[in-house]
Amino acid sequence: MYYAVFMALMVLTFVTWAITYVDLGEFNLILALAVAITKAMLVIIYFMHLKWSPKLIKVTIGSSVFFLMIMFVMTLTDYLSRGQMGLPAYPTATAT
């Protein structure tokens, strides 16, 4: 099983590399992040033995991911609403 997971990680690493040579517009980032999340989940589940952990550990990991998503949503809400409030859409760096 470890060899199968390792081969899946190697294939996904190759897919991540191959994505950089295909122009999908704004979907390049989305696809690269999806592959990265998949690889992270494989490592967490199999190599960090989450699959065989007690339920309390699984609940702890699940709640941590849940609150991390809440933080991402709150951050993106601020970032995406900046154009509606008269603020610049993104901060710009200026040379002094």
N, C-alpha and C. Protein backbone atom coordinates (compact mmCIF):
# COMPACT_ATOMS: atom_id res chain seq x y z
N MET A 1 0.83 -1.19 0.00
CA MET A 1 0.00 0.00 0.00
C MET A 1 0.88 1.26 0.00
N TYR A 2 1.96 1.24 0.78
CA TYR A 2 2.84 2.41 0.81
C TYR A 2 3.45 2.69 -0.55
N TYR A 3 3.78 1.63 -1.27
CA TYR A 3 4.34 1.82 -2.62
C TYR A 3 3.30 2.42 -3.57
N ALA A 4 2.06 2.00 -3.43
CA ALA A 4 1.00 2.55 -4.29
C ALA A 4 0.78 4.03 -3.98
N VAL A 5 0.80 4.39 -2.71
CA VAL A 5 0.64 5.80 -2.34
C VAL A 5 1.84 6.60 -2.82
N PHE A 6 3.04 6.02 -2.69
CA PHE A 6 4.24 6.70 -3.17
C PHE A 6 4.17 6.92 -4.68
N MET A 7 3.72 5.92 -5.42
CA MET A 7 3.60 6.08 -6.87
C MET A 7 2.53 7.13 -7.22
N ALA A 8 1.45 7.17 -6.46
CA ALA A 8 0.43 8.19 -6.70
C ALA A 8 1.00 9.58 -6.44
N LEU A 9 1.82 9.71 -5.40
CA LEU A 9 2.46 11.00 -5.14
C LEU A 9 3.42 11.38 -6.26
N MET A 10 4.14 10.41 -6.80
CA MET A 10 5.06 10.70 -7.90
C MET A 10 4.29 11.12 -9.16
N VAL A 11 3.18 10.44 -9.43
CA VAL A 11 2.36 10.81 -10.59
C VAL A 11 1.78 12.20 -10.41
N LEU A 12 1.29 12.49 -9.22
CA LEU A 12 0.73 13.82 -8.97
C LEU A 12 1.81 14.91 -9.02
N THR A 13 3.03 14.57 -8.63
CA THR A 13 4.12 15.53 -8.76
C THR A 13 4.40 15.81 -10.23
N PHE A 14 4.38 14.78 -11.05
CA PHE A 14 4.55 14.97 -12.49
C PHE A 14 3.41 15.79 -13.07
N VAL A 15 2.18 15.55 -12.60
CA VAL A 15 1.03 16.33 -13.08
C VAL A 15 1.20 17.80 -12.69
N THR A 16 1.69 18.06 -11.49
CA THR A 16 1.92 19.43 -11.07
C THR A 16 2.95 20.11 -11.97
N TRP A 17 4.00 19.39 -12.31
CA TRP A 17 5.02 19.92 -13.21
C TRP A 17 4.44 20.15 -14.61
N ALA A 18 3.62 19.21 -15.09
CA ALA A 18 3.05 19.32 -16.44
C ALA A 18 2.05 20.46 -16.54
N ILE A 19 1.38 20.79 -15.44
CA ILE A 19 0.39 21.87 -15.45
C ILE A 19 1.05 23.20 -15.82
N THR A 20 2.31 23.36 -15.43
CA THR A 20 2.97 24.64 -15.70
C THR A 20 3.19 24.89 -17.18
N TYR A 21 3.17 23.83 -17.99
CA TYR A 21 3.40 23.98 -19.42
C TYR A 21 2.11 24.07 -20.23
N VAL A 22 0.96 23.95 -19.59
CA VAL A 22 -0.33 24.04 -20.26
C VAL A 22 -0.99 25.34 -19.83
N ASP A 23 -1.44 26.12 -20.82
CA ASP A 23 -2.07 27.40 -20.50
C ASP A 23 -3.57 27.20 -20.34
N LEU A 24 -4.02 27.18 -19.11
CA LEU A 24 -5.44 27.05 -18.81
C LEU A 24 -6.02 28.34 -18.25
N GLY A 25 -5.25 29.40 -18.35
CA GLY A 25 -5.71 30.69 -17.83
C GLY A 25 -5.70 30.69 -16.32
N GLU A 26 -6.81 31.14 -15.74
CA GLU A 26 -6.89 31.20 -14.28
C GLU A 26 -7.08 29.83 -13.65
N PHE A 27 -7.35 28.82 -14.45
CA PHE A 27 -7.55 27.48 -13.90
C PHE A 27 -6.23 26.77 -13.61
N ASN A 28 -5.11 27.30 -14.07
CA ASN A 28 -3.82 26.71 -13.73
C ASN A 28 -3.61 26.69 -12.21
N LEU A 29 -3.88 27.81 -11.58
CA LEU A 29 -3.70 27.90 -10.13
C LEU A 29 -4.68 26.97 -9.41
N ILE A 30 -5.92 26.95 -9.85
CA ILE A 30 -6.92 26.11 -9.21
C ILE A 30 -6.55 24.64 -9.32
N LEU A 31 -6.12 24.22 -10.51
CA LEU A 31 -5.74 22.83 -10.72
C LEU A 31 -4.49 22.47 -9.92
N ALA A 32 -3.51 23.37 -9.89
CA ALA A 32 -2.29 23.12 -9.12
C ALA A 32 -2.60 23.01 -7.63
N LEU A 33 -3.48 23.86 -7.12
CA LEU A 33 -3.86 23.78 -5.71
C LEU A 33 -4.64 22.50 -5.41
N ALA A 34 -5.49 22.07 -6.34
CA ALA A 34 -6.24 20.82 -6.13
C ALA A 34 -5.29 19.63 -6.06
N VAL A 35 -4.29 19.62 -6.93
CA VAL A 35 -3.31 18.53 -6.90
C VAL A 35 -2.50 18.59 -5.61
N ALA A 36 -2.12 19.78 -5.18
CA ALA A 36 -1.35 19.93 -3.94
C ALA A 36 -2.16 19.47 -2.72
N ILE A 37 -3.44 19.80 -2.69
CA ILE A 37 -4.29 19.37 -1.58
C ILE A 37 -4.45 17.85 -1.59
N THR A 38 -4.58 17.28 -2.77
CA THR A 38 -4.69 15.82 -2.88
C THR A 38 -3.43 15.15 -2.37
N LYS A 39 -2.26 15.68 -2.75
CA LYS A 39 -1.00 15.11 -2.27
C LYS A 39 -0.88 15.25 -0.75
N ALA A 40 -1.27 16.39 -0.22
CA ALA A 40 -1.21 16.59 1.22
C ALA A 40 -2.13 15.61 1.95
N MET A 41 -3.31 15.39 1.41
CA MET A 41 -4.24 14.46 2.04
C MET A 41 -3.69 13.03 2.01
N LEU A 42 -3.06 12.63 0.91
CA LEU A 42 -2.45 11.30 0.85
C LEU A 42 -1.37 11.14 1.91
N VAL A 43 -0.54 12.15 2.06
CA VAL A 43 0.52 12.08 3.07
C VAL A 43 -0.08 12.02 4.47
N ILE A 44 -1.07 12.85 4.74
CA ILE A 44 -1.67 12.87 6.08
C ILE A 44 -2.37 11.56 6.39
N ILE A 45 -3.13 11.05 5.44
CA ILE A 45 -3.92 9.84 5.70
C ILE A 45 -3.05 8.60 5.83
N TYR A 46 -2.08 8.42 4.93
CA TYR A 46 -1.33 7.18 4.92
C TYR A 46 0.02 7.26 5.63
N PHE A 47 0.82 8.26 5.34
CA PHE A 47 2.14 8.31 5.93
C PHE A 47 2.13 8.82 7.37
N MET A 48 1.13 9.61 7.72
CA MET A 48 1.01 10.06 9.11
C MET A 48 0.00 9.20 9.88
N HIS A 49 -0.48 8.14 9.26
CA HIS A 49 -1.33 7.11 9.88
C HIS A 49 -2.65 7.64 10.42
N LEU A 50 -3.21 8.65 9.77
CA LEU A 50 -4.50 9.15 10.22
C LEU A 50 -5.60 8.13 9.98
N LYS A 51 -5.43 7.30 8.97
CA LYS A 51 -6.45 6.30 8.65
C LYS A 51 -6.66 5.32 9.80
N TRP A 52 -5.61 5.04 10.55
CA TRP A 52 -5.68 4.07 11.62
C TRP A 52 -5.68 4.72 13.00
N SER A 53 -5.88 6.01 13.06
CA SER A 53 -5.89 6.74 14.34
C SER A 53 -7.24 6.62 15.02
N PRO A 54 -7.27 6.89 16.33
CA PRO A 54 -8.56 6.90 17.04
C PRO A 54 -9.47 8.02 16.52
N LYS A 55 -10.75 7.88 16.79
CA LYS A 55 -11.73 8.84 16.29
C LYS A 55 -11.50 10.25 16.85
N LEU A 56 -11.00 10.36 18.06
CA LEU A 56 -10.76 11.67 18.63
C LEU A 56 -9.71 12.43 17.82
N ILE A 57 -8.69 11.76 17.34
CA ILE A 57 -7.67 12.41 16.51
C ILE A 57 -8.29 12.85 15.18
N LYS A 58 -9.14 12.02 14.61
CA LYS A 58 -9.81 12.38 13.35
C LYS A 58 -10.72 13.59 13.53
N VAL A 59 -11.43 13.65 14.64
CA VAL A 59 -12.30 14.80 14.93
C VAL A 59 -11.46 16.06 15.12
N THR A 60 -10.32 15.92 15.78
CA THR A 60 -9.44 17.07 15.98
C THR A 60 -8.92 17.61 14.66
N ILE A 61 -8.48 16.73 13.79
CA ILE A 61 -7.99 17.14 12.47
C ILE A 61 -9.13 17.76 11.66
N GLY A 62 -10.30 17.14 11.70
CA GLY A 62 -11.45 17.67 10.96
C GLY A 62 -11.86 19.05 11.43
N SER A 63 -11.87 19.26 12.75
CA SER A 63 -12.25 20.57 13.26
C SER A 63 -11.18 21.61 12.93
N SER A 64 -9.92 21.21 12.93
CA SER A 64 -8.85 22.14 12.56
C SER A 64 -9.00 22.59 11.11
N VAL A 65 -9.29 21.66 10.22
CA VAL A 65 -9.50 22.00 8.81
C VAL A 65 -10.73 22.89 8.66
N PHE A 66 -11.78 22.59 9.42
CA PHE A 66 -13.00 23.40 9.37
C PHE A 66 -12.72 24.85 9.76
N PHE A 67 -12.00 25.05 10.86
CA PHE A 67 -11.70 26.42 11.29
C PHE A 67 -10.70 27.10 10.36
N LEU A 68 -9.82 26.35 9.74
CA LEU A 68 -8.93 26.93 8.74
C LEU A 68 -9.73 27.43 7.54
N MET A 69 -10.73 26.67 7.12
CA MET A 69 -11.59 27.12 6.01
C MET A 69 -12.36 28.38 6.40
N ILE A 70 -12.80 28.47 7.65
CA ILE A 70 -13.48 29.69 8.11
C ILE A 70 -12.53 30.89 8.00
N MET A 71 -11.29 30.71 8.39
CA MET A 71 -10.31 31.80 8.30
C MET A 71 -10.07 32.20 6.84
N PHE A 72 -9.98 31.21 5.94
CA PHE A 72 -9.81 31.52 4.52
C PHE A 72 -11.01 32.29 3.98
N VAL A 73 -12.22 31.87 4.34
CA VAL A 73 -13.42 32.55 3.87
C VAL A 73 -13.45 33.99 4.37
N MET A 74 -13.10 34.20 5.63
CA MET A 74 -13.11 35.56 6.17
C MET A 74 -12.06 36.43 5.48
N THR A 75 -10.90 35.86 5.20
CA THR A 75 -9.86 36.61 4.51
C THR A 75 -10.28 36.95 3.09
N LEU A 76 -10.83 35.97 2.38
CA LEU A 76 -11.27 36.22 1.00
C LEU A 76 -12.44 37.19 0.94
N THR A 77 -13.30 37.16 1.95
CA THR A 77 -14.41 38.12 1.99
C THR A 77 -13.87 39.54 2.04
N ASP A 78 -12.87 39.77 2.86
CA ASP A 78 -12.26 41.10 2.93
C ASP A 78 -11.59 41.45 1.62
N TYR A 79 -10.83 40.52 1.08
CA TYR A 79 -10.06 40.79 -0.13
C TYR A 79 -10.98 41.06 -1.34
N LEU A 80 -12.02 40.25 -1.48
CA LEU A 80 -12.89 40.39 -2.65
C LEU A 80 -13.84 41.58 -2.55
N SER A 81 -14.08 42.10 -1.35
CA SER A 81 -14.99 43.23 -1.22
C SER A 81 -14.27 44.57 -1.27
N ARG A 82 -12.99 44.60 -1.45
CA ARG A 82 -12.25 45.86 -1.44
C ARG A 82 -12.65 46.78 -2.59
N GLY A 83 -12.94 46.26 -3.76
CA GLY A 83 -13.33 47.09 -4.88
C GLY A 83 -14.68 47.76 -4.68
N GLN A 84 -15.55 47.16 -3.87
CA GLN A 84 -16.88 47.70 -3.64
C GLN A 84 -16.87 48.82 -2.61
N MET A 85 -15.81 48.92 -1.83
CA MET A 85 -15.76 49.90 -0.76
C MET A 85 -14.90 51.11 -1.12
N GLY A 86 -14.49 51.22 -2.37
CA GLY A 86 -13.69 52.34 -2.78
C GLY A 86 -12.21 52.18 -2.50
N LEU A 87 -11.81 51.04 -1.98
CA LEU A 87 -10.40 50.76 -1.73
C LEU A 87 -9.79 50.14 -2.98
N PRO A 88 -8.48 50.22 -3.12
CA PRO A 88 -7.87 49.55 -4.27
C PRO A 88 -8.12 48.04 -4.19
N ALA A 89 -8.26 47.40 -5.36
CA ALA A 89 -8.58 45.98 -5.41
C ALA A 89 -7.47 45.15 -4.80
N TYR A 90 -6.25 45.60 -4.93
CA TYR A 90 -5.14 44.88 -4.32
C TYR A 90 -4.06 45.91 -3.97
N PRO A 91 -3.28 45.63 -2.96
CA PRO A 91 -2.25 46.60 -2.59
C PRO A 91 -1.17 46.64 -3.65
N THR A 92 -0.65 47.83 -3.89
CA THR A 92 0.41 48.00 -4.87
C THR A 92 1.69 48.38 -4.17
N ALA A 93 2.78 47.88 -4.65
CA ALA A 93 4.08 48.25 -4.09
C ALA A 93 4.62 49.46 -4.82
N THR A 94 5.11 50.41 -4.10
CA THR A 94 5.68 51.59 -4.72
C THR A 94 7.12 51.72 -4.29
N ALA A 95 7.97 52.08 -5.23
CA ALA A 95 9.38 52.28 -4.93
C ALA A 95 9.58 53.67 -4.36
N THR A 96 10.42 53.77 -3.37
CA THR A 96 10.68 55.09 -2.78
C THR A 96 12.03 55.60 -3.23
